[in-house]
């Protein structure tokens, strides 16, 4: 049966129309992937074109995947109340909801796909390994083309991993570890090369830093990344300020991307204004370039057809929506992505962690005493006002930061579920839940600090030297 609108399109807001186009586009892709009958696909395509026309009529803008109407930078959760809106871009994450950002809405807005049970099971079959807790618990919740990565892997075709860090300060916090913990697991179970970009140039452009200080932060952050346990024979870490001037392949890809993205596009995607420096406007092409294997000729022997998989927080997705749009036009494969949720600040998921606020998170330099004090004093509680009320009504794990942190760092699924049941029922008090988190994080941070002490400047140099890795291409 042909698709038909389930309501009058004229009554829909621009954002609702945008979401309908996105949903219909997903449907068309699913029908094509499932090799549905031609008449069914054609009917869905006609509906998609009709919705796109309605969207352009209503907004005066052509539909672009992941780019909502320009006058609606916020995610509208079905209401016009400001307090019910989330804002997400590569530099700012804002939500008024104590539970955090509405990720289902974000998937619709960005036009990505939900990581469902079927995909997780397929990853387990492909690797022969139990899925990482970040997958099991929905911490990595969204993807682009992970099915294609698995297709390639199952057909003995290689891919590579790319992730990064913006070195804005010397000390990293536990939230910064999330992409590296997961990337290390991906590298181990798939046995593939990894490149890690340190965007010290970005931090120079956006922050009040000298190039020398930005590069210094990059090398210090590299020590924390190396301390996660990456294999020097399979991993290349690079500073933009350092590597860009030495790799013709890298710079060629930057220029190709720059040629195919207009100023209007980057303004629409990233919100740049006419008063922003041209360095900011051109930077997205630099973050895009590592998505292409030809940016690393020393690793891939000049091959341009090796697909890339990028694990990152979903606020970085705008960079790679742009990259995926450009890739076919410069003869490159589109990078695939795995998106994580945001790591909450100690004060609650609706607040923002800041390197300038030492109490907003647990830093990798914190002592056991500092960890205990921060959690006891600052971790937002989902408990009740009194012990009597808590025993009677129970706590709310959806907003309790200690439970959220345990979701990230406690490996034992059964133990996590027991804690959730006990806290929700009122059997477990807030102070007791915080104690479990303290006892989880103290040894984790101490072990990280011990590994970091073993990382020498010479080791950093080895990781950051362009070279062939332990793979044949």
Protein backbone atom coordinates (compact mmCIF):
# COMPACT_ATOMS: atom_id res chain seq x y z
CA UNK A 1 0.00 0.00 0.00
CA UNK A 2 1.32 3.46 -0.88
CA UNK A 3 2.35 5.82 1.89
CA UNK A 4 -0.05 8.58 2.72
CA UNK A 5 0.24 11.51 5.13
CA UNK A 6 -1.42 10.77 8.44
CA UNK A 7 -2.19 14.43 8.98
CA UNK A 8 -2.49 17.66 7.04
CA UNK A 9 1.10 18.65 6.19
CA UNK A 10 0.16 22.31 6.27
CA UNK A 11 -0.61 22.01 9.97
CA UNK A 12 2.89 20.77 10.81
CA UNK A 13 5.66 23.01 12.13
CA UNK A 14 8.91 23.25 10.13
CA UNK A 15 10.66 20.99 12.63
CA UNK A 16 7.84 18.40 12.46
CA UNK A 17 8.13 18.44 8.67
CA UNK A 18 11.90 18.03 8.99
CA UNK A 19 11.38 15.00 11.23
CA UNK A 20 8.84 13.50 8.80
CA UNK A 21 11.28 13.84 5.89
CA UNK A 22 14.00 12.22 8.00
CA UNK A 23 11.74 9.32 9.00
CA UNK A 24 10.61 8.78 5.41
CA UNK A 25 14.21 8.82 4.19
CA UNK A 26 15.04 6.10 6.71
CA UNK A 27 12.06 4.09 5.44
CA UNK A 28 13.19 4.37 1.83
CA UNK A 29 16.70 3.22 2.78
CA UNK A 30 15.29 0.29 4.73
CA UNK A 31 13.08 -0.78 1.82
CA UNK A 32 15.99 -0.63 -0.61
CA UNK A 33 18.27 -2.51 1.76
CA UNK A 34 15.59 -5.16 2.22
CA UNK A 35 15.08 -5.42 -1.56
CA UNK A 36 11.37 -4.65 -1.27
CA UNK A 37 9.14 -4.77 -4.36
CA UNK A 38 9.86 -1.96 -6.83
CA UNK A 39 6.34 -0.47 -6.65
CA UNK A 40 6.59 -0.24 -2.86
CA UNK A 41 9.97 1.50 -3.08
CA UNK A 42 8.70 3.87 -5.79
CA UNK A 43 5.67 4.81 -3.69
CA UNK A 44 7.90 5.57 -0.70
CA UNK A 45 10.25 7.65 -2.84
CA UNK A 46 7.29 9.67 -4.18
CA UNK A 47 6.15 10.31 -0.62
CA UNK A 48 9.70 11.39 0.30
CA UNK A 49 9.82 13.85 -2.60
CA UNK A 50 6.41 15.21 -1.65
CA UNK A 51 7.51 15.74 1.95
CA UNK A 52 10.69 17.47 0.80
CA UNK A 53 8.63 19.80 -1.38
CA UNK A 54 6.32 20.59 1.56
CA UNK A 55 9.37 21.26 3.72
CA UNK A 56 10.86 23.66 1.16
CA UNK A 57 7.52 25.43 0.74
CA UNK A 58 7.21 25.89 4.49
CA UNK A 59 10.80 26.94 5.19
CA UNK A 60 12.23 28.28 1.96
CA UNK A 61 15.12 25.86 2.52
CA UNK A 62 16.08 22.62 0.82
CA UNK A 63 16.02 19.65 3.17
CA UNK A 64 19.51 18.63 4.33
CA UNK A 65 19.93 15.54 6.50
CA UNK A 66 20.95 16.45 10.03
CA UNK A 67 20.44 20.18 9.46
CA UNK A 68 17.08 21.33 10.88
CA UNK A 69 15.44 24.63 9.88
CA UNK A 70 17.93 27.41 10.48
CA UNK A 71 15.62 29.33 12.79
CA UNK A 72 15.21 26.24 14.96
CA UNK A 73 18.63 25.45 16.37
CA UNK A 74 17.02 23.83 19.39
CA UNK A 75 15.45 20.41 19.50
CA UNK A 76 11.74 20.87 20.04
CA UNK A 77 10.29 18.12 22.20
CA UNK A 78 6.74 18.71 21.01
CA UNK A 79 6.27 21.94 22.91
CA UNK A 80 7.29 25.56 22.58
CA UNK A 81 8.30 25.90 26.22
CA UNK A 82 11.92 26.95 26.42
CA UNK A 83 12.56 24.73 29.43
CA UNK A 84 11.63 21.64 27.38
CA UNK A 85 14.25 22.23 24.69
CA UNK A 86 17.75 20.80 24.26
CA UNK A 87 20.61 22.46 22.41
CA UNK A 88 23.48 20.42 21.01
CA UNK A 89 26.40 21.48 18.82
CA UNK A 90 30.14 20.63 18.86
CA UNK A 91 30.84 23.25 21.54
CA UNK A 92 27.67 23.48 23.62
CA UNK A 93 25.33 20.95 25.20
CA UNK A 94 22.34 22.37 27.06
CA UNK A 95 19.30 20.66 28.53
CA UNK A 96 16.92 21.59 31.32
CA UNK A 97 15.96 17.97 31.94
CA UNK A 98 17.63 16.34 34.96
CA UNK A 99 17.63 13.06 33.02
CA UNK A 100 19.81 14.66 30.36
CA UNK A 101 19.36 15.13 26.61
CA UNK A 102 16.48 13.35 24.87
CA UNK A 103 18.57 11.06 22.67
CA UNK A 104 15.63 9.65 20.74
CA UNK A 105 14.83 13.18 19.58
CA UNK A 106 18.49 13.75 18.80
CA UNK A 107 18.57 10.68 16.56
CA UNK A 108 15.63 12.08 14.61
CA UNK A 109 17.16 15.53 14.39
CA UNK A 110 20.56 14.27 13.23
CA UNK A 111 19.14 11.55 10.96
CA UNK A 112 21.24 8.74 12.42
CA UNK A 113 20.14 5.19 13.32
CA UNK A 114 19.57 3.69 16.74
CA UNK A 115 21.93 0.93 17.86
CA UNK A 116 19.43 -1.82 18.49
CA UNK A 117 19.66 -5.34 19.87
CA UNK A 118 20.04 -6.85 16.40
CA UNK A 119 23.12 -4.73 15.68
CA UNK A 120 24.67 -5.49 19.07
CA UNK A 121 24.08 -9.21 18.50
CA UNK A 122 25.68 -8.94 15.07
CA UNK A 123 28.77 -7.26 16.54
CA UNK A 124 28.98 -10.11 19.06
CA UNK A 125 28.75 -12.74 16.30
CA UNK A 126 31.33 -10.97 14.14
CA UNK A 127 33.89 -10.55 16.92
CA UNK A 128 33.16 -13.60 19.04
CA UNK A 129 33.34 -11.28 22.05
CA UNK A 130 30.78 -10.19 24.62
CA UNK A 131 29.62 -6.67 23.67
CA UNK A 132 31.27 -3.89 25.63
CA UNK A 133 29.23 -2.53 28.54
CA UNK A 134 28.92 0.76 26.63
CA UNK A 135 26.96 -1.13 23.97
CA UNK A 136 25.01 -3.28 26.42
CA UNK A 137 23.85 -0.21 28.35
CA UNK A 138 23.10 2.15 25.48
CA UNK A 139 26.02 4.49 26.22
CA UNK A 140 26.92 4.16 22.54
CA UNK A 141 23.39 4.46 21.24
CA UNK A 142 23.43 5.69 17.65
CA UNK A 143 25.33 4.92 14.46
CA UNK A 144 25.83 5.64 10.80
CA UNK A 145 26.63 2.68 8.50
CA UNK A 146 27.95 0.32 11.18
CA UNK A 147 26.22 -2.43 9.19
CA UNK A 148 28.54 -1.63 6.25
CA UNK A 149 31.59 -1.92 8.51
CA UNK A 150 30.39 -5.35 9.62
CA UNK A 151 29.69 -6.36 6.01
CA UNK A 152 33.27 -5.47 5.12
CA UNK A 153 34.73 -7.19 8.16
CA UNK A 154 32.77 -10.38 7.53
CA UNK A 155 34.10 -10.36 3.95
CA UNK A 156 37.71 -10.06 5.22
CA UNK A 157 37.99 -6.40 4.18
CA UNK A 158 39.79 -4.17 6.62
CA UNK A 159 38.76 -0.81 8.04
CA UNK A 160 40.38 1.57 10.50
CA UNK A 161 39.38 3.54 13.57
CA UNK A 162 39.62 7.30 14.03
CA UNK A 163 38.83 9.27 17.16
CA UNK A 164 40.21 12.41 18.74
CA UNK A 165 40.65 14.83 21.58
CA UNK A 166 40.60 18.61 21.75
CA UNK A 167 43.43 19.43 24.21
CA UNK A 168 42.03 22.47 25.98
CA UNK A 169 43.71 21.79 29.33
CA UNK A 170 46.50 19.74 30.83
CA UNK A 171 44.22 17.58 32.98
CA UNK A 172 41.54 15.36 31.48
CA UNK A 173 38.48 14.16 33.42
CA UNK A 174 36.89 10.71 33.51
CA UNK A 175 34.34 11.71 30.85
CA UNK A 176 37.18 12.26 28.39
CA UNK A 177 38.13 8.59 28.76
CA UNK A 178 34.82 7.27 27.37
CA UNK A 179 35.67 7.34 23.63
CA UNK A 180 39.17 5.97 24.31
CA UNK A 181 37.98 3.11 26.53
CA UNK A 182 35.50 2.07 23.83
CA UNK A 183 37.91 2.64 20.93
CA UNK A 184 40.53 0.46 22.63
CA UNK A 185 37.95 -2.34 22.90
CA UNK A 186 36.97 -1.93 19.23
CA UNK A 187 40.62 -2.03 18.17
CA UNK A 188 41.25 -5.20 20.17
CA UNK A 189 38.18 -7.16 19.03
CA UNK A 190 38.48 -6.17 15.34
CA UNK A 191 42.33 -5.92 15.23
CA UNK A 192 42.51 -2.80 13.06
CA UNK A 193 44.69 0.35 12.86
CA UNK A 194 43.76 3.41 14.89
CA UNK A 195 44.52 7.10 14.32
CA UNK A 196 43.93 9.64 17.09
CA UNK A 197 43.73 13.32 16.18
CA UNK A 198 44.73 15.94 18.75
CA UNK A 199 43.09 19.15 17.56
CA UNK A 200 45.48 21.61 19.16
CA UNK A 201 44.91 23.94 16.20
CA UNK A 202 41.19 24.04 17.04
CA UNK A 203 41.90 24.97 20.66
CA UNK A 204 44.25 27.73 19.55
CA UNK A 205 41.50 29.12 17.31
CA UNK A 206 38.70 28.89 19.90
CA UNK A 207 40.53 29.46 23.18
CA UNK A 208 42.87 32.07 24.60
CA UNK A 209 45.94 29.85 24.07
CA UNK A 210 49.24 30.25 22.30
CA UNK A 211 50.16 27.63 19.71
CA UNK A 212 52.98 26.53 22.03
CA UNK A 213 50.59 26.00 24.96
CA UNK A 214 48.06 24.16 22.79
CA UNK A 215 50.79 21.80 21.55
CA UNK A 216 52.02 21.26 25.10
CA UNK A 217 48.48 20.30 26.17
CA UNK A 218 48.31 17.92 23.20
CA UNK A 219 51.42 16.05 24.34
CA UNK A 220 50.21 15.93 27.95
CA UNK A 221 46.80 14.61 26.87
CA UNK A 222 48.58 12.05 24.69
CA UNK A 223 50.10 10.61 27.86
CA UNK A 224 46.64 10.04 29.35
CA UNK A 225 45.47 8.47 26.09
CA UNK A 226 48.49 6.16 25.92
CA UNK A 227 47.85 5.22 29.55
CA UNK A 228 44.55 3.67 28.43
CA UNK A 229 46.69 0.83 27.08
CA UNK A 230 46.92 1.40 23.33
CA UNK A 231 49.45 -0.62 21.32
CA UNK A 232 52.16 1.56 19.79
CA UNK A 233 52.47 -0.87 16.87
CA UNK A 234 48.82 -0.38 15.90
CA UNK A 235 48.14 3.24 16.89
CA UNK A 236 49.19 6.61 15.48
CA UNK A 237 48.53 9.72 17.59
CA UNK A 238 49.07 13.04 15.88
CA UNK A 239 48.91 16.75 16.61
CA UNK A 240 47.37 18.86 13.86
CA UNK A 241 49.92 21.60 14.46
CA UNK A 242 52.69 19.05 13.97
CA UNK A 243 51.41 16.51 11.41
CA UNK A 244 49.65 18.84 8.99
CA UNK A 245 52.93 20.33 7.82
CA UNK A 246 54.52 16.96 7.12
CA UNK A 247 51.83 15.01 5.25
CA UNK A 248 50.97 15.94 1.68
CA UNK A 249 48.17 13.37 1.67
CA UNK A 250 46.55 14.96 4.72
CA UNK A 251 46.71 18.47 3.33
CA UNK A 252 45.44 17.41 -0.10
CA UNK A 253 42.32 15.97 1.52
CA UNK A 254 41.79 19.14 3.54
CA UNK A 255 41.91 21.21 0.36
CA UNK A 256 39.52 18.86 -1.45
CA UNK A 257 36.99 19.13 1.38
CA UNK A 258 37.41 22.91 1.52
CA UNK A 259 36.66 23.18 -2.20
CA UNK A 260 33.38 21.27 -1.89
CA UNK A 261 31.89 22.98 1.18
CA UNK A 262 30.52 26.50 0.88
CA UNK A 263 30.60 29.25 3.48
CA UNK A 264 26.81 29.09 3.68
CA UNK A 265 26.98 25.38 4.47
CA UNK A 266 29.42 25.75 7.35
CA UNK A 267 27.40 28.68 8.70
CA UNK A 268 24.28 26.52 8.59
CA UNK A 269 25.92 23.45 10.12
CA UNK A 270 28.14 25.07 12.74
CA UNK A 271 26.52 28.44 13.37
CA UNK A 272 29.56 30.47 12.30
CA UNK A 273 29.02 34.19 11.82
CA UNK A 274 30.67 36.81 9.64
CA UNK A 275 32.76 37.91 12.62
CA UNK A 276 34.34 34.49 13.17
CA UNK A 277 37.95 34.18 12.08
CA UNK A 278 38.58 32.30 8.84
CA UNK A 279 40.50 29.68 10.81
CA UNK A 280 37.28 28.53 12.49
CA UNK A 281 35.45 28.45 9.17
CA UNK A 282 38.09 26.24 7.58
CA UNK A 283 38.69 24.00 10.58
CA UNK A 284 35.87 21.46 9.86
CA UNK A 285 37.85 20.32 6.81
CA UNK A 286 40.80 19.51 9.08
CA UNK A 287 38.64 17.35 11.35
CA UNK A 288 37.18 15.68 8.24
CA UNK A 289 40.53 14.72 6.65
CA UNK A 290 41.46 11.82 8.99
CA UNK A 291 38.26 10.09 7.79
CA UNK A 292 40.11 9.25 4.56
CA UNK A 293 42.87 6.63 4.49
CA UNK A 294 44.91 8.63 1.95
CA UNK A 295 45.62 11.13 4.76
CA UNK A 296 47.96 8.48 6.19
CA UNK A 297 50.01 7.10 3.28
CA UNK A 298 52.62 5.70 5.66
CA UNK A 299 49.94 3.44 7.23
CA UNK A 300 47.77 2.51 4.25
CA UNK A 301 50.41 2.45 1.52
CA UNK A 302 48.59 5.19 -0.38
CA UNK A 303 45.30 3.26 -0.64
CA UNK A 304 42.22 5.47 -0.74
CA UNK A 305 39.43 2.90 -0.36
CA UNK A 306 39.85 1.85 3.29
CA UNK A 307 36.67 2.72 5.18
CA UNK A 308 36.86 4.55 8.48
CA UNK A 309 34.84 4.01 11.69
CA UNK A 310 34.63 6.94 14.10
CA UNK A 311 33.59 6.44 17.74
CA UNK A 312 32.71 9.84 19.24
CA UNK A 313 30.19 11.72 21.34
CA UNK A 314 27.18 12.72 19.28
CA UNK A 315 27.95 16.45 19.55
CA UNK A 316 30.78 15.83 17.05
CA UNK A 317 28.37 14.41 14.45
CA UNK A 318 27.92 17.71 12.53
CA UNK A 319 31.56 17.49 11.42
CA UNK A 320 31.01 14.06 10.00
CA UNK A 321 27.62 14.72 8.43
CA UNK A 322 29.50 17.32 6.41
CA UNK A 323 32.30 14.80 5.73
CA UNK A 324 29.87 12.11 4.58
CA UNK A 325 28.20 14.59 2.24
CA UNK A 326 31.54 15.56 0.68
CA UNK A 327 33.14 12.10 0.53
CA UNK A 328 31.48 10.79 -2.68
CA UNK A 329 32.27 14.04 -4.48
CA UNK A 330 36.00 13.64 -3.84
CA UNK A 331 36.03 9.92 -4.57
CA UNK A 332 36.31 8.73 -0.97
CA UNK A 333 34.21 6.24 1.05
CA UNK A 334 31.88 7.74 3.64
CA UNK A 335 33.09 7.29 7.21
CA UNK A 336 30.86 5.26 9.53
CA UNK A 337 30.13 6.48 13.06
CA UNK A 338 29.27 5.22 16.52
CA UNK A 339 27.80 7.91 18.79
CA UNK A 340 27.95 8.03 22.57
CA UNK A 341 25.74 9.87 25.03
CA UNK A 342 27.19 12.79 26.99
CA UNK A 343 28.99 12.19 30.25
CA UNK A 344 27.10 14.10 32.99
CA UNK A 345 28.62 16.71 35.27
CA UNK A 346 28.67 15.89 38.97
CA UNK A 347 26.02 18.55 39.56
CA UNK A 348 23.58 16.79 37.22
CA UNK A 349 22.98 15.86 33.58
CA UNK A 350 21.47 19.28 32.89
CA UNK A 351 24.72 21.07 33.78
CA UNK A 352 27.98 21.23 31.85
CA UNK A 353 31.36 19.92 32.87
CA UNK A 354 34.11 22.50 32.68
CA UNK A 355 37.87 22.16 32.95
CA UNK A 356 37.83 25.51 34.78
CA UNK A 357 35.50 24.10 37.47
CA UNK A 358 37.36 21.37 39.38
CA UNK A 359 34.13 20.31 41.10
CA UNK A 360 32.22 19.61 37.90
CA UNK A 361 33.82 16.21 37.39
CA UNK A 362 36.38 13.70 38.60
CA UNK A 363 39.74 14.53 37.03
CA UNK A 364 42.42 11.99 36.22
CA UNK A 365 44.78 13.85 38.56
CA UNK A 366 42.44 13.68 41.59
CA UNK A 367 43.59 11.95 44.78
CA UNK A 368 41.42 9.30 46.49
CA UNK A 369 40.46 11.92 49.09
CA UNK A 370 39.46 14.45 46.41
CA UNK A 371 37.37 11.81 44.64
CA UNK A 372 35.56 10.97 47.88
CA UNK A 373 34.97 14.62 48.77
CA UNK A 374 33.71 15.58 45.32
CA UNK A 375 31.25 12.70 45.10
CA UNK A 376 29.92 13.13 48.63
CA UNK A 377 29.63 16.91 48.34
CA UNK A 378 28.73 17.56 44.70
CA UNK A 379 27.19 14.46 43.07
CA UNK A 380 23.56 15.24 42.30
CA UNK A 381 21.24 12.90 44.16
CA UNK A 382 18.05 11.20 43.06
CA UNK A 383 17.21 10.49 46.69
CA UNK A 384 14.46 11.94 48.83
CA UNK A 385 14.74 14.82 51.27
CA UNK A 386 14.64 12.61 54.37
CA UNK A 387 15.62 9.03 55.14
CA UNK A 388 12.00 8.26 56.03
CA UNK A 389 10.75 9.50 52.65
CA UNK A 390 13.54 7.68 50.82
CA UNK A 391 12.74 4.39 52.56
CA UNK A 392 9.06 4.86 51.67
CA UNK A 393 9.25 6.18 48.10
CA UNK A 394 12.73 5.19 46.91
CA UNK A 395 15.30 7.06 44.80
CA UNK A 396 15.32 8.04 41.13
CA UNK A 397 18.19 6.42 39.20
CA UNK A 398 17.27 8.40 36.07
CA UNK A 399 18.61 11.61 37.61
CA UNK A 400 21.08 10.31 40.22
CA UNK A 401 24.61 11.11 39.06
CA UNK A 402 26.27 8.43 41.17
CA UNK A 403 24.16 5.79 39.47
CA UNK A 404 24.84 7.36 36.06
CA UNK A 405 28.60 7.20 36.69
CA UNK A 406 28.30 3.56 37.80
CA UNK A 407 26.54 2.83 34.51
CA UNK A 408 29.71 3.97 32.75
CA UNK A 409 32.32 2.37 35.00
CA UNK A 410 30.90 -0.64 36.88
CA UNK A 411 31.51 -3.70 34.72
CA UNK A 412 29.20 -6.17 36.51
CA UNK A 413 25.70 -6.01 34.98
CA UNK A 414 24.11 -8.01 37.78
CA UNK A 415 25.64 -5.78 40.44
CA UNK A 416 24.43 -2.66 38.62
CA UNK A 417 20.90 -4.04 38.41
CA UNK A 418 20.95 -4.95 42.12
CA UNK A 419 21.98 -1.39 42.97
CA UNK A 420 19.23 0.01 40.78
CA UNK A 421 16.56 -2.15 42.40
CA UNK A 422 17.80 -1.42 45.91
CA UNK A 423 17.99 2.35 45.34
CA UNK A 424 14.63 2.52 43.56
CA UNK A 425 12.95 0.58 46.36
CA UNK A 426 14.48 2.74 49.08
CA UNK A 427 16.53 -0.08 50.55
CA UNK A 428 19.78 1.65 49.49
CA UNK A 429 20.37 5.23 50.64
CA UNK A 430 22.08 7.97 48.62
CA UNK A 431 25.16 7.94 50.85
CA UNK A 432 25.49 4.19 50.38
CA UNK A 433 25.21 4.52 46.59
CA UNK A 434 27.85 7.24 46.62
CA UNK A 435 30.10 4.93 48.64
CA UNK A 436 29.84 2.29 45.91
CA UNK A 437 30.84 4.87 43.29
CA UNK A 438 33.78 6.09 45.39
CA UNK A 439 34.99 2.51 45.80
CA UNK A 440 34.65 1.99 42.04
CA UNK A 441 36.42 5.16 40.89
CA UNK A 442 39.26 5.38 43.40
CA UNK A 443 41.09 2.24 42.21
CA UNK A 444 40.25 2.99 38.56
CA UNK A 445 41.80 6.48 38.75
CA UNK A 446 44.74 5.24 40.83
CA UNK A 447 45.51 2.53 38.27
CA UNK A 448 45.32 5.09 35.46
CA UNK A 449 47.69 7.42 37.32
CA UNK A 450 50.16 4.58 37.83
CA UNK A 451 50.10 3.69 34.12
CA UNK A 452 50.52 7.34 33.18
CA UNK A 453 53.66 7.61 35.32
CA UNK A 454 55.19 4.95 33.09
CA UNK A 455 54.52 6.99 29.91
CA UNK A 456 57.74 8.81 29.01
CA UNK A 457 58.31 11.63 26.56
CA UNK A 458 60.11 9.10 24.37
CA UNK A 459 56.98 6.89 24.30
CA UNK A 460 54.87 9.89 23.29
CA UNK A 461 57.33 10.59 20.50
CA UNK A 462 57.05 6.99 19.29
CA UNK A 463 53.24 7.14 19.15
CA UNK A 464 53.35 10.53 17.39
CA UNK A 465 55.98 9.69 14.77
CA UNK A 466 54.47 9.05 11.29
CA UNK A 467 55.32 5.45 10.47
CA UNK A 468 54.09 2.13 9.16
CA UNK A 469 51.92 0.19 11.63
CA UNK A 470 51.69 -3.57 12.11
CA UNK A 471 49.27 -4.06 9.19
CA UNK A 472 49.71 -4.79 5.50
CA UNK A 473 47.73 -2.79 2.93
